[in-house]
Amino acid sequence: MHVIHIDQGPLIATLTERLADLGVTSAAIVSLIGAVDEFTVSTMPADDASTDIVTTYTRPAEMHGAGEVVNGEPHLHVTMAIEGDQGIAGHLHEAEVGHWFARVYVLPT
């Protein structure tokens, strides 16, 4: 298992780079934990599962999630906890790590 610690910068781009450095092209992401300054997630509209509603939030959030790596590309589903004890869930497109950290636990397959 690889533990990838990200303490600054774009989460997805940095994770993709670190996976390449480790030679990981196929894996289970068994856990993602940390907090970010802003993030972009998508969900599907109720009447069309073939499209995405992509939303960017410019606010901090605690996060946890899981996913996979296919052909070297991470695919993460997350729950982001924001102010007011609210949760936002979906496919993570990007997140900016700044004040806190992200830690990704990767199990190559």
Protein backbone atom coordinates (compact mmCIF):
# COMPACT_ATOMS: atom_id res chain seq x y z
CA MET A 1 0.00 0.00 0.00
CA HIS A 2 1.14 3.52 -0.79
CA VAL A 3 0.23 6.47 1.43
CA ILE A 4 0.33 9.69 -0.57
CA HIS A 5 0.42 12.88 1.50
CA ILE A 6 -0.49 16.14 -0.23
CA ASP A 7 0.03 19.31 1.78
CA GLN A 8 -0.28 21.98 -0.90
CA GLY A 9 -1.76 22.39 -4.38
CA PRO A 10 -4.35 20.80 -6.65
CA LEU A 11 -5.33 17.43 -5.24
CA ILE A 12 -6.20 15.51 -8.42
CA ALA A 13 -3.25 16.81 -10.47
CA THR A 14 -0.80 16.17 -7.64
CA LEU A 15 -2.22 12.71 -6.97
CA THR A 16 -1.98 11.82 -10.68
CA GLU A 17 1.66 12.95 -10.72
CA ARG A 18 2.55 10.97 -7.60
CA LEU A 19 0.83 7.85 -8.95
CA ALA A 20 2.94 8.14 -12.12
CA ASP A 21 6.11 8.57 -10.03
CA LEU A 22 5.22 5.35 -8.18
CA GLY A 23 4.37 3.50 -11.40
CA VAL A 24 0.79 2.89 -10.27
CA THR A 25 -1.62 2.51 -13.18
CA SER A 26 -4.30 0.33 -11.57
CA ALA A 27 -5.33 0.51 -7.91
CA ALA A 28 -8.05 0.78 -5.33
CA ILE A 29 -8.10 4.04 -3.44
CA VAL A 30 -9.25 2.60 -0.15
CA SER A 31 -9.38 5.89 1.72
CA LEU A 32 -9.04 9.62 1.18
CA ILE A 33 -9.06 11.92 4.19
CA GLY A 34 -8.21 15.53 4.91
CA ALA A 35 -9.52 19.00 4.28
CA VAL A 36 -9.41 21.42 1.35
CA ASP A 37 -9.90 25.13 0.70
CA GLU A 38 -12.21 24.68 -2.29
CA PHE A 39 -13.50 21.83 -4.45
CA THR A 40 -15.48 20.82 -7.52
CA VAL A 41 -17.84 17.83 -7.55
CA SER A 42 -20.45 16.47 -9.90
CA THR A 43 -23.69 14.56 -9.52
CA MET A 44 -26.23 13.30 -12.06
CA PRO A 45 -29.60 14.94 -12.65
CA ALA A 46 -32.57 12.77 -11.68
CA ASP A 47 -33.84 12.53 -15.27
CA ASP A 48 -30.55 11.89 -17.14
CA ALA A 49 -27.85 9.61 -15.73
CA SER A 50 -25.68 10.23 -18.79
CA THR A 51 -24.87 13.85 -17.89
CA ASP A 52 -23.27 15.64 -14.96
CA ILE A 53 -24.11 18.67 -12.91
CA VAL A 54 -20.70 20.12 -12.03
CA THR A 55 -20.52 22.54 -9.09
CA THR A 56 -17.53 24.41 -7.66
CA TYR A 57 -17.54 25.41 -4.00
CA THR A 58 -15.13 28.16 -2.92
CA ARG A 59 -15.27 27.27 0.74
CA PRO A 60 -13.31 24.98 3.01
CA ALA A 61 -14.44 21.43 3.64
CA GLU A 62 -13.45 18.34 5.57
CA MET A 63 -13.39 15.35 3.24
CA HIS A 64 -13.38 11.61 3.05
CA GLY A 65 -13.77 9.31 0.11
CA ALA A 66 -12.67 6.29 -1.88
CA GLY A 67 -12.19 5.34 -5.49
CA GLU A 68 -9.93 3.71 -8.00
CA VAL A 69 -7.05 4.31 -10.38
CA VAL A 70 -7.61 3.23 -13.99
CA ASN A 71 -4.87 3.73 -16.58
CA GLY A 72 -3.05 5.98 -14.13
CA GLU A 73 -6.05 8.31 -13.63
CA PRO A 74 -7.65 8.61 -10.18
CA HIS A 75 -11.44 8.45 -9.93
CA LEU A 76 -12.73 9.56 -6.51
CA HIS A 77 -16.13 9.76 -4.91
CA VAL A 78 -16.24 11.95 -1.83
CA THR A 79 -18.30 13.44 0.91
CA MET A 80 -17.33 17.01 1.76
CA ALA A 81 -18.42 18.44 5.12
CA ILE A 82 -19.00 22.19 5.02
CA GLU A 83 -19.98 24.84 7.54
CA GLY A 84 -23.34 24.24 9.19
CA ASP A 85 -22.84 20.48 9.51
CA GLN A 86 -23.81 19.92 5.87
CA GLY A 87 -22.49 17.25 3.55
CA ILE A 88 -21.93 17.51 -0.20
CA ALA A 89 -21.27 14.26 -2.04
CA GLY A 90 -20.30 13.33 -5.55
CA HIS A 91 -17.50 12.66 -8.02
CA LEU A 92 -14.47 14.81 -7.16
CA HIS A 93 -13.16 16.75 -10.17
CA GLU A 94 -10.67 18.92 -8.30
CA ALA A 95 -9.83 20.28 -4.87
CA GLU A 96 -7.26 22.77 -3.67
CA VAL A 97 -5.20 21.75 -0.65
CA GLY A 98 -3.77 24.70 1.26
CA HIS A 99 -4.42 25.18 4.95
CA TRP A 100 -4.68 21.47 5.77
CA PHE A 101 -3.68 18.23 3.99
CA ALA A 102 -4.99 15.31 2.01
CA ARG A 103 -3.85 11.76 2.58
CA VAL A 104 -4.64 9.06 0.01
CA TYR A 105 -4.28 5.35 0.75
CA VAL A 106 -3.64 3.49 -2.51
CA LEU A 107 -3.64 -0.30 -2.90
CA PRO A 108 -2.20 -1.30 -6.30
CA THR A 109 -4.09 -4.06 -8.10
